Amino acid sequence: MEIFAVSPDIICKRIYYNWNAIISDKDDNKFFYAAIAGNADYLVTNDGHFQDAQKIGFPRINIITADDFLSMVQ
């Protein structure tokens, strides 16, 4: 853990929110939070649990499948 504390490549972000956007698999919320904190344009996943997050109004994140993402970049 020491290497993480001193590494210049690691940015420590404190999470000051808890939306629980993904109820069916709460462990997936960390990826949702990372996408929000990183101001991501898209969260790319084939995990069906992320459909829970589509139902909330805020914060809004575009959740797309890997196939949809590949179609966009081709």
PDB file of N, CA and C in Angstrom:
ATOM      1  N   MET A   1       0.821  -1.192   0.000  1.00  0.00           N
ATOM      2  CA  MET A   1       0.000   0.000   0.000  1.00  0.00           C
ATOM      3  C   MET A   1       0.866   1.258   0.000  1.00  0.00           C
ATOM      4  N   GLU A   2       2.058   1.144   0.533  1.00  0.00           N
ATOM      5  CA  GLU A   2       2.974   2.289   0.594  1.00  0.00           C
ATOM      6  C   GLU A   2       3.254   2.855  -0.797  1.00  0.00           C
ATOM      7  N   ILE A   3       3.443   1.974  -1.774  1.00  0.00           N
ATOM      8  CA  ILE A   3       3.744   2.430  -3.130  1.00  0.00           C
ATOM      9  C   ILE A   3       2.603   3.277  -3.692  1.00  0.00           C
ATOM     10  N   PHE A   4       1.374   2.933  -3.345  1.00  0.00           N
ATOM     11  CA  PHE A   4       0.236   3.721  -3.818  1.00  0.00           C
ATOM     12  C   PHE A   4       0.213   5.103  -3.176  1.00  0.00           C
ATOM     13  N   ALA A   5       0.613   5.177  -1.933  1.00  0.00           N
ATOM     14  CA  ALA A   5       0.587   6.446  -1.202  1.00  0.00           C
ATOM     15  C   ALA A   5       1.598   7.445  -1.748  1.00  0.00           C
ATOM     16  N   VAL A   6       2.709   6.967  -2.289  1.00  0.00           N
ATOM     17  CA  VAL A   6       3.770   7.885  -2.730  1.00  0.00           C
ATOM     18  C   VAL A   6       3.887   7.988  -4.242  1.00  0.00           C
ATOM     19  N   SER A   7       3.177   7.166  -4.981  1.00  0.00           N
ATOM     20  CA  SER A   7       3.284   7.165  -6.437  1.00  0.00           C
ATOM     21  C   SER A   7       2.725   8.452  -7.044  1.00  0.00           C
ATOM     22  N   PRO A   8       3.480   9.092  -7.958  1.00  0.00           N
ATOM     23  CA  PRO A   8       2.964  10.293  -8.627  1.00  0.00           C
ATOM     24  C   PRO A   8       1.861   9.971  -9.640  1.00  0.00           C
ATOM     25  N   ASP A   9       1.692   8.672  -9.951  1.00  0.00           N
ATOM     26  CA  ASP A   9       0.681   8.267 -10.925  1.00  0.00           C
ATOM     27  C   ASP A   9      -0.681   8.002 -10.298  1.00  0.00           C
ATOM     28  N   ILE A  10      -0.765   8.078  -8.994  1.00  0.00           N
ATOM     29  CA  ILE A  10      -2.012   7.810  -8.282  1.00  0.00           C
ATOM     30  C   ILE A  10      -2.609   9.123  -7.788  1.00  0.00           C
ATOM     31  N   ILE A  11      -3.861   9.319  -8.082  1.00  0.00           N
ATOM     32  CA  ILE A  11      -4.576  10.502  -7.608  1.00  0.00           C
ATOM     33  C   ILE A  11      -5.638  10.035  -6.614  1.00  0.00           C
ATOM     34  N   CYS A  12      -5.554  10.516  -5.413  1.00  0.00           N
ATOM     35  CA  CYS A  12      -6.518  10.144  -4.389  1.00  0.00           C
ATOM     36  C   CYS A  12      -7.736  11.057  -4.486  1.00  0.00           C
ATOM     37  N   LYS A  13      -8.888  10.450  -4.664  1.00  0.00           N
ATOM     38  CA  LYS A  13     -10.143  11.209  -4.735  1.00  0.00           C
ATOM     39  C   LYS A  13     -11.033  10.767  -3.597  1.00  0.00           C
ATOM     40  N   ARG A  14     -11.484  11.705  -2.803  1.00  0.00           N
ATOM     41  CA  ARG A  14     -12.454  11.380  -1.756  1.00  0.00           C
ATOM     42  C   ARG A  14     -13.852  11.449  -2.364  1.00  0.00           C
ATOM     43  N   ILE A  15     -14.654  10.482  -2.036  1.00  0.00           N
ATOM     44  CA  ILE A  15     -16.018  10.439  -2.550  1.00  0.00           C
ATOM     45  C   ILE A  15     -16.925  11.070  -1.502  1.00  0.00           C
ATOM     46  N   TYR A  16     -17.625  12.115  -1.912  1.00  0.00           N
ATOM     47  CA  TYR A  16     -18.502  12.839  -1.003  1.00  0.00           C
ATOM     48  C   TYR A  16     -19.973  12.624  -1.341  1.00  0.00           C
ATOM     49  N   TYR A  17     -20.247  11.578  -2.071  1.00  0.00           N
ATOM     50  CA  TYR A  17     -21.612  11.316  -2.489  1.00  0.00           C
ATOM     51  C   TYR A  17     -21.863   9.816  -2.420  1.00  0.00           C
ATOM     52  N   ASN A  18     -23.110   9.450  -2.386  1.00  0.00           N
ATOM     53  CA  ASN A  18     -23.484   8.045  -2.342  1.00  0.00           C
ATOM     54  C   ASN A  18     -24.866   7.915  -2.960  1.00  0.00           C
ATOM     55  N   TRP A  19     -24.906   7.736  -4.281  1.00  0.00           N
ATOM     56  CA  TRP A  19     -26.182   7.684  -4.968  1.00  0.00           C
ATOM     57  C   TRP A  19     -26.811   6.300  -4.942  1.00  0.00           C
ATOM     58  N   ASN A  20     -26.015   5.264  -4.756  1.00  0.00           N
ATOM     59  CA  ASN A  20     -26.519   3.890  -4.853  1.00  0.00           C
ATOM     60  C   ASN A  20     -27.345   3.706  -6.117  1.00  0.00           C
ATOM     61  N   ALA A  21     -26.761   4.090  -7.223  1.00  0.00           N
ATOM     62  CA  ALA A  21     -27.456   4.042  -8.509  1.00  0.00           C
ATOM     63  C   ALA A  21     -27.716   2.621  -8.976  1.00  0.00           C
ATOM     64  N   ILE A  22     -26.869   1.688  -8.570  1.00  0.00           N
ATOM     65  CA  ILE A  22     -27.008   0.307  -9.007  1.00  0.00           C
ATOM     66  C   ILE A  22     -27.409  -0.529  -7.797  1.00  0.00           C
ATOM     67  N   ILE A  23     -28.676  -0.799  -7.703  1.00  0.00           N
ATOM     68  CA  ILE A  23     -29.220  -1.479  -6.535  1.00  0.00           C
ATOM     69  C   ILE A  23     -29.045  -2.989  -6.636  1.00  0.00           C
ATOM     70  N   SER A  24     -29.173  -3.545  -7.830  1.00  0.00           N
ATOM     71  CA  SER A  24     -29.136  -4.995  -7.991  1.00  0.00           C
ATOM     72  C   SER A  24     -27.748  -5.601  -7.759  1.00  0.00           C
ATOM     73  N   ASP A  25     -26.690  -4.793  -7.833  1.00  0.00           N
ATOM     74  CA  ASP A  25     -25.331  -5.258  -7.523  1.00  0.00           C
ATOM     75  C   ASP A  25     -24.533  -4.060  -7.017  1.00  0.00           C
ATOM     76  N   LYS A  26     -24.650  -3.804  -5.740  1.00  0.00           N
ATOM     77  CA  LYS A  26     -24.070  -2.600  -5.138  1.00  0.00           C
ATOM     78  C   LYS A  26     -22.569  -2.473  -5.359  1.00  0.00           C
ATOM     79  N   ASP A  27     -21.877  -3.586  -5.579  1.00  0.00           N
ATOM     80  CA  ASP A  27     -20.437  -3.545  -5.829  1.00  0.00           C
ATOM     81  C   ASP A  27     -20.111  -2.818  -7.137  1.00  0.00           C
ATOM     82  N   ASP A  28     -21.062  -2.757  -8.068  1.00  0.00           N
ATOM     83  CA  ASP A  28     -20.849  -2.068  -9.341  1.00  0.00           C
ATOM     84  C   ASP A  28     -20.883  -0.549  -9.205  1.00  0.00           C
ATOM     85  N   ASN A  29     -21.384  -0.035  -8.096  1.00  0.00           N
ATOM     86  CA  ASN A  29     -21.476   1.415  -7.920  1.00  0.00           C
ATOM     87  C   ASN A  29     -20.123   2.105  -8.036  1.00  0.00           C
ATOM     88  N   LYS A  30     -19.038   1.425  -7.655  1.00  0.00           N
ATOM     89  CA  LYS A  30     -17.718   2.054  -7.713  1.00  0.00           C
ATOM     90  C   LYS A  30     -17.356   2.454  -9.141  1.00  0.00           C
ATOM     91  N   PHE A  31     -17.798   1.682 -10.130  1.00  0.00           N
ATOM     92  CA  PHE A  31     -17.518   2.017 -11.521  1.00  0.00           C
ATOM     93  C   PHE A  31     -18.373   3.192 -11.980  1.00  0.00           C
ATOM     94  N   PHE A  32     -19.600   3.231 -11.517  1.00  0.00           N
ATOM     95  CA  PHE A  32     -20.481   4.358 -11.813  1.00  0.00           C
ATOM     96  C   PHE A  32     -19.900   5.644 -11.220  1.00  0.00           C
ATOM     97  N   TYR A  33     -19.453   5.573  -9.964  1.00  0.00           N
ATOM     98  CA  TYR A  33     -18.867   6.741  -9.302  1.00  0.00           C
ATOM     99  C   TYR A  33     -17.599   7.202 -10.005  1.00  0.00           C
ATOM    100  N   ALA A  34     -16.781   6.251 -10.464  1.00  0.00           N
ATOM    101  CA  ALA A  34     -15.547   6.612 -11.172  1.00  0.00           C
ATOM    102  C   ALA A  34     -15.865   7.324 -12.485  1.00  0.00           C
ATOM    103  N   ALA A  35     -16.895   6.876 -13.182  1.00  0.00           N
ATOM    104  CA  ALA A  35     -17.286   7.528 -14.432  1.00  0.00           C
ATOM    105  C   ALA A  35     -17.778   8.946 -14.170  1.00  0.00           C
ATOM    106  N   ILE A  36     -18.535   9.137 -13.100  1.00  0.00           N
ATOM    107  CA  ILE A  36     -19.019  10.478 -12.751  1.00  0.00           C
ATOM    108  C   ILE A  36     -17.856  11.372 -12.343  1.00  0.00           C
ATOM    109  N   ALA A  37     -16.996  10.870 -11.456  1.00  0.00           N
ATOM    110  CA  ALA A  37     -15.864  11.660 -10.971  1.00  0.00           C
ATOM    111  C   ALA A  37     -14.907  12.010 -12.102  1.00  0.00           C
ATOM    112  N   GLY A  38     -14.773  11.108 -13.063  1.00  0.00           N
ATOM    113  CA  GLY A  38     -13.875  11.350 -14.190  1.00  0.00           C
ATOM    114  C   GLY A  38     -14.520  12.123 -15.319  1.00  0.00           C
ATOM    115  N   ASN A  39     -15.777  12.528 -15.142  1.00  0.00           N
ATOM    116  CA  ASN A  39     -16.511  13.279 -16.161  1.00  0.00           C
ATOM    117  C   ASN A  39     -16.499  12.535 -17.502  1.00  0.00           C
ATOM    118  N   ALA A  40     -16.725  11.226 -17.435  1.00  0.00           N
ATOM    119  CA  ALA A  40     -16.691  10.383 -18.631  1.00  0.00           C
ATOM    120  C   ALA A  40     -17.864  10.692 -19.548  1.00  0.00           C
ATOM    121  N   ASP A  41     -17.609  10.612 -20.837  1.00  0.00           N
ATOM    122  CA  ASP A  41     -18.685  10.773 -21.810  1.00  0.00           C
ATOM    123  C   ASP A  41     -19.569   9.529 -21.853  1.00  0.00           C
ATOM    124  N   TYR A  42     -18.943   8.370 -21.669  1.00  0.00           N
ATOM    125  CA  TYR A  42     -19.664   7.103 -21.717  1.00  0.00           C
ATOM    126  C   TYR A  42     -19.125   6.155 -20.661  1.00  0.00           C
ATOM    127  N   LEU A  43     -19.989   5.294 -20.171  1.00  0.00           N
ATOM    128  CA  LEU A  43     -19.591   4.158 -19.358  1.00  0.00           C
ATOM    129  C   LEU A  43     -19.923   2.945 -20.217  1.00  0.00           C
ATOM    130  N   VAL A  44     -18.893   2.212 -20.621  1.00  0.00           N
ATOM    131  CA  VAL A  44     -19.067   1.092 -21.539  1.00  0.00           C
ATOM    132  C   VAL A  44     -19.093  -0.207 -20.753  1.00  0.00           C
ATOM    133  N   THR A  45     -20.197  -0.924 -20.837  1.00  0.00           N
ATOM    134  CA  THR A  45     -20.339  -2.188 -20.115  1.00  0.00           C
ATOM    135  C   THR A  45     -21.423  -3.044 -20.748  1.00  0.00           C
ATOM    136  N   ASN A  46     -21.261  -4.339 -20.599  1.00  0.00           N
ATOM    137  CA  ASN A  46     -22.304  -5.278 -20.999  1.00  0.00           C
ATOM    138  C   ASN A  46     -23.024  -5.840 -19.781  1.00  0.00           C
ATOM    139  N   ASP A  47     -22.709  -5.304 -18.615  1.00  0.00           N
ATOM    140  CA  ASP A  47     -23.313  -5.747 -17.365  1.00  0.00           C
ATOM    141  C   ASP A  47     -24.731  -5.173 -17.260  1.00  0.00           C
ATOM    142  N   GLY A  48     -25.707  -6.043 -17.221  1.00  0.00           N
ATOM    143  CA  GLY A  48     -27.105  -5.622 -17.173  1.00  0.00           C
ATOM    144  C   GLY A  48     -27.483  -4.865 -15.911  1.00  0.00           C
ATOM    145  N   HIS A  49     -26.705  -5.004 -14.849  1.00  0.00           N
ATOM    146  CA  HIS A  49     -27.006  -4.293 -13.605  1.00  0.00           C
ATOM    147  C   HIS A  49     -26.953  -2.776 -13.773  1.00  0.00           C
ATOM    148  N   PHE A  50     -26.214  -2.309 -14.750  1.00  0.00           N
ATOM    149  CA  PHE A  50     -26.069  -0.871 -14.937  1.00  0.00           C
ATOM    150  C   PHE A  50     -27.333  -0.217 -15.473  1.00  0.00           C
ATOM    151  N   GLN A  51     -28.305  -1.018 -15.865  1.00  0.00           N
ATOM    152  CA  GLN A  51     -29.582  -0.455 -16.301  1.00  0.00           C
ATOM    153  C   GLN A  51     -30.286   0.249 -15.145  1.00  0.00           C
ATOM    154  N   ASP A  52     -29.990  -0.165 -13.910  1.00  0.00           N
ATOM    155  CA  ASP A  52     -30.536   0.523 -12.733  1.00  0.00           C
ATOM    156  C   ASP A  52     -30.163   2.008 -12.755  1.00  0.00           C
ATOM    157  N   ALA A  53     -28.922   2.282 -13.144  1.00  0.00           N
ATOM    158  CA  ALA A  53     -28.417   3.659 -13.139  1.00  0.00           C
ATOM    159  C   ALA A  53     -29.097   4.520 -14.204  1.00  0.00           C
ATOM    160  N   GLN A  54     -29.622   3.891 -15.240  1.00  0.00           N
ATOM    161  CA  GLN A  54     -30.316   4.643 -16.292  1.00  0.00           C
ATOM    162  C   GLN A  54     -31.637   5.210 -15.796  1.00  0.00           C
ATOM    163  N   LYS A  55     -32.175   4.630 -14.724  1.00  0.00           N
ATOM    164  CA  LYS A  55     -33.487   5.037 -14.220  1.00  0.00           C
ATOM    165  C   LYS A  55     -33.443   6.291 -13.363  1.00  0.00           C
ATOM    166  N   ILE A  56     -32.253   6.663 -12.867  1.00  0.00           N
ATOM    167  CA  ILE A  56     -32.179   7.845 -12.014  1.00  0.00           C
ATOM    168  C   ILE A  56     -31.968   9.082 -12.875  1.00  0.00           C
ATOM    169  N   GLY A  57     -32.466  10.194 -12.425  1.00  0.00           N
ATOM    170  CA  GLY A  57     -32.377  11.427 -13.205  1.00  0.00           C
ATOM    171  C   GLY A  57     -31.054  12.155 -13.054  1.00  0.00           C
ATOM    172  N   PHE A  58     -30.419  12.010 -11.910  1.00  0.00           N
ATOM    173  CA  PHE A  58     -29.156  12.703 -11.663  1.00  0.00           C
ATOM    174  C   PHE A  58     -28.285  11.832 -10.785  1.00  0.00           C
ATOM    175  N   PRO A  59     -27.042  11.734 -11.054  1.00  0.00           N
ATOM    176  CA  PRO A  59     -26.313  12.281 -12.201  1.00  0.00           C
ATOM    177  C   PRO A  59     -26.556  11.418 -13.435  1.00  0.00           C
ATOM    178  N   ARG A  60     -26.500  12.050 -14.552  1.00  0.00           N
ATOM    179  CA  ARG A  60     -26.781  11.375 -15.813  1.00  0.00           C
ATOM    180  C   ARG A  60     -25.469  10.941 -16.450  1.00  0.00           C
ATOM    181  N   ILE A  61     -25.382   9.694 -16.842  1.00  0.00           N
ATOM    182  CA  ILE A  61     -24.208   9.178 -17.552  1.00  0.00           C
ATOM    183  C   ILE A  61     -24.708   8.301 -18.691  1.00  0.00           C
ATOM    184  N   ASN A  62     -24.082   8.400 -19.827  1.00  0.00           N
ATOM    185  CA  ASN A  62     -24.450   7.576 -20.975  1.00  0.00           C
ATOM    186  C   ASN A  62     -23.838   6.192 -20.800  1.00  0.00           C
ATOM    187  N   ILE A  63     -24.678   5.206 -20.581  1.00  0.00           N
ATOM    188  CA  ILE A  63     -24.217   3.833 -20.414  1.00  0.00           C
ATOM    189  C   ILE A  63     -24.523   3.094 -21.704  1.00  0.00           C
ATOM    190  N   ILE A  64     -23.463   2.576 -22.349  1.00  0.00           N
ATOM    191  CA  ILE A  64     -23.624   1.896 -23.624  1.00  0.00           C
ATOM    192  C   ILE A  64     -22.922   0.542 -23.581  1.00  0.00           C
ATOM    193  N   THR A  65     -23.307  -0.330 -24.489  1.00  0.00           N
ATOM    194  CA  THR A  65     -22.688  -1.654 -24.564  1.00  0.00           C
ATOM    195  C   THR A  65     -21.374  -1.559 -25.340  1.00  0.00           C
ATOM    196  N   ALA A  66     -20.577  -2.593 -25.225  1.00  0.00           N
ATOM    197  CA  ALA A  66     -19.300  -2.637 -25.948  1.00  0.00           C
ATOM    198  C   ALA A  66     -19.537  -2.612 -27.456  1.00  0.00           C
ATOM    199  N   ASP A  67     -20.561  -3.305 -27.931  1.00  0.00           N
ATOM    200  CA  ASP A  67     -20.870  -3.296 -29.364  1.00  0.00           C
ATOM    201  C   ASP A  67     -21.244  -1.900 -29.847  1.00  0.00           C
ATOM    202  N   ASP A  68     -22.040  -1.185 -29.051  1.00  0.00           N
ATOM    203  CA  ASP A  68     -22.407   0.190 -29.415  1.00  0.00           C
ATOM    204  C   ASP A  68     -21.172   1.082 -29.473  1.00  0.00           C
ATOM    205  N   PHE A  69     -20.271   0.894 -28.514  1.00  0.00           N
ATOM    206  CA  PHE A  69     -19.046   1.693 -28.495  1.00  0.00           C
ATOM    207  C   PHE A  69     -18.170   1.396 -29.728  1.00  0.00           C
ATOM    208  N   LEU A  70     -18.034   0.111 -30.055  1.00  0.00           N
ATOM    209  CA  LEU A  70     -17.255  -0.236 -31.236  1.00  0.00           C
ATOM    210  C   LEU A  70     -17.859   0.343 -32.500  1.00  0.00           C
ATOM    211  N   SER A  71     -19.166   0.366 -32.597  1.00  0.00           N
ATOM    212  CA  SER A  71     -19.832   0.962 -33.749  1.00  0.00           C
ATOM    213  C   SER A  71     -19.539   2.457 -33.834  1.00  0.00           C
ATOM    214  N   MET A  72     -19.455   3.111 -32.678  1.00  0.00           N
ATOM    215  CA  MET A  72     -19.189   4.561 -32.652  1.00  0.00           C
ATOM    216  C   MET A  72     -17.774   4.887 -33.123  1.00  0.00           C
ATOM    217  N   VAL A  73     -16.808   4.058 -32.763  1.00  0.00           N
ATOM    218  CA  VAL A  73     -15.414   4.385 -33.077  1.00  0.00           C
ATOM    219  C   VAL A  73     -14.963   3.870 -34.423  1.00  0.00           C
ATOM    220  N   GLN A  74     -15.786   3.068 -35.076  1.00  0.00           N
ATOM    221  CA  GLN A  74     -15.396   2.551 -36.406  1.00  0.00           C
ATOM    222  C   GLN A  74     -15.660   3.556 -37.485  1.00  0.00           C
TER     223      GLN A  74
END
